[in-house]
Amino acid sequence: FEYAEQMSVGRSVGAPVIAAISAAGNVATMELGSRFANRVPQHLLDRVLPKPGTGPSDEVRERGHYTVETYTTTTTGARYVARMS
């Protein structure tokens, strides 16, 4: 089994910088979160985290986009891709 995940930041001149900042932010979030999340008082988390049932508006969701691709190769060598958008 093999797993990989990617996020496109476009093809602009600044794309490598955006990708590096995004990757560094993900690493920092995971490191800090795993070390300190259980030490933050619940009342502080309740003030900054989204409330249950809240989220982006219908308009924002309509403008959003994502594509998930799953690839597989069978034991006979046939290759398949499934795209969900």
Protein backbone atom coordinates (compact mmCIF):
# COMPACT_ATOMS: atom_id res chain seq x y z
CA PHE A 1 0.00 0.00 0.00
CA GLU A 2 1.30 3.44 -0.89
CA TYR A 3 -0.19 6.82 0.01
CA ALA A 4 0.70 10.30 -1.18
CA GLU A 5 -1.01 13.66 -0.95
CA GLN A 6 -0.46 16.82 -3.01
CA MET A 7 -1.88 20.32 -3.16
CA SER A 8 -1.62 22.51 -6.24
CA VAL A 9 -0.53 26.12 -5.70
CA GLY A 10 -0.50 26.99 -9.39
CA ARG A 11 2.30 27.64 -11.86
CA SER A 12 3.27 31.21 -11.04
CA VAL A 13 6.78 32.39 -10.26
CA GLY A 14 5.76 32.54 -6.59
CA ALA A 15 4.35 28.99 -6.50
CA PRO A 16 7.53 27.42 -5.03
CA VAL A 17 7.52 30.01 -2.24
CA ILE A 18 3.83 29.43 -1.55
CA ALA A 19 4.42 25.67 -1.48
CA ALA A 20 7.36 26.02 0.93
CA ILE A 21 5.40 28.29 3.27
CA SER A 22 2.43 25.92 3.18
CA ALA A 23 4.62 22.90 3.93
CA ALA A 24 6.40 24.71 6.77
CA GLY A 25 3.06 25.77 8.21
CA ASN A 26 1.78 22.20 8.12
CA VAL A 27 4.89 20.90 9.88
CA ALA A 28 4.71 23.65 12.52
CA THR A 29 1.02 22.98 13.12
CA MET A 30 1.60 19.26 13.58
CA GLU A 31 4.61 19.76 15.86
CA LEU A 32 3.07 22.44 18.04
CA GLY A 33 -0.33 20.78 18.05
CA SER A 34 1.02 17.43 19.17
CA ARG A 35 3.04 19.06 21.96
CA PHE A 36 0.69 21.69 23.31
CA ALA A 37 -2.93 21.08 22.25
CA ASN A 38 -3.78 19.07 25.34
CA ARG A 39 -2.38 21.84 27.58
CA VAL A 40 -4.57 24.65 26.26
CA PRO A 41 -7.55 25.33 28.54
CA GLN A 42 -10.86 24.31 26.96
CA HIS A 43 -12.43 27.76 27.43
CA LEU A 44 -9.67 29.30 25.27
CA LEU A 45 -10.18 26.72 22.55
CA ASP A 46 -13.92 27.38 22.63
CA ARG A 47 -13.26 31.08 21.96
CA VAL A 48 -11.04 30.58 18.89
CA LEU A 49 -12.29 27.38 17.24
CA PRO A 50 -15.37 27.32 14.98
CA LYS A 51 -18.61 26.42 16.72
CA PRO A 52 -20.29 23.13 15.78
CA GLY A 53 -22.51 23.57 12.75
CA THR A 54 -20.76 26.70 11.50
CA GLY A 55 -18.83 26.81 8.29
CA PRO A 56 -18.51 28.58 4.97
CA SER A 57 -21.57 30.19 3.42
CA ASP A 58 -23.37 28.69 0.43
CA GLU A 59 -21.73 31.34 -1.77
CA VAL A 60 -18.22 30.44 -0.60
CA ARG A 61 -18.90 26.73 -1.06
CA GLU A 62 -20.17 27.35 -4.60
CA ARG A 63 -16.89 29.12 -5.50
CA GLY A 64 -14.76 26.34 -4.00
CA HIS A 65 -13.18 23.45 -5.88
CA TYR A 66 -11.37 20.23 -5.18
CA THR A 67 -10.47 17.08 -7.07
CA VAL A 68 -9.56 13.76 -5.49
CA GLU A 69 -7.80 11.21 -7.68
CA THR A 70 -7.27 7.58 -6.72
CA TYR A 71 -4.93 5.40 -8.79
CA THR A 72 -4.61 1.65 -8.77
CA THR A 73 -2.86 -1.11 -10.70
CA THR A 74 -4.34 -4.60 -10.75
CA THR A 75 -2.35 -7.80 -10.42
CA THR A 76 -2.61 -8.20 -14.21
CA GLY A 77 -1.08 -4.75 -14.79
CA ALA A 78 -4.26 -2.89 -15.75
CA ARG A 79 -4.22 0.69 -14.46
CA TYR A 80 -7.24 2.68 -13.35
CA VAL A 81 -7.89 6.19 -12.07
CA ALA A 82 -11.02 7.43 -10.30
CA ARG A 83 -11.63 11.20 -10.14
CA MET A 84 -14.04 12.79 -7.69
CA SER A 85 -14.71 16.52 -8.02
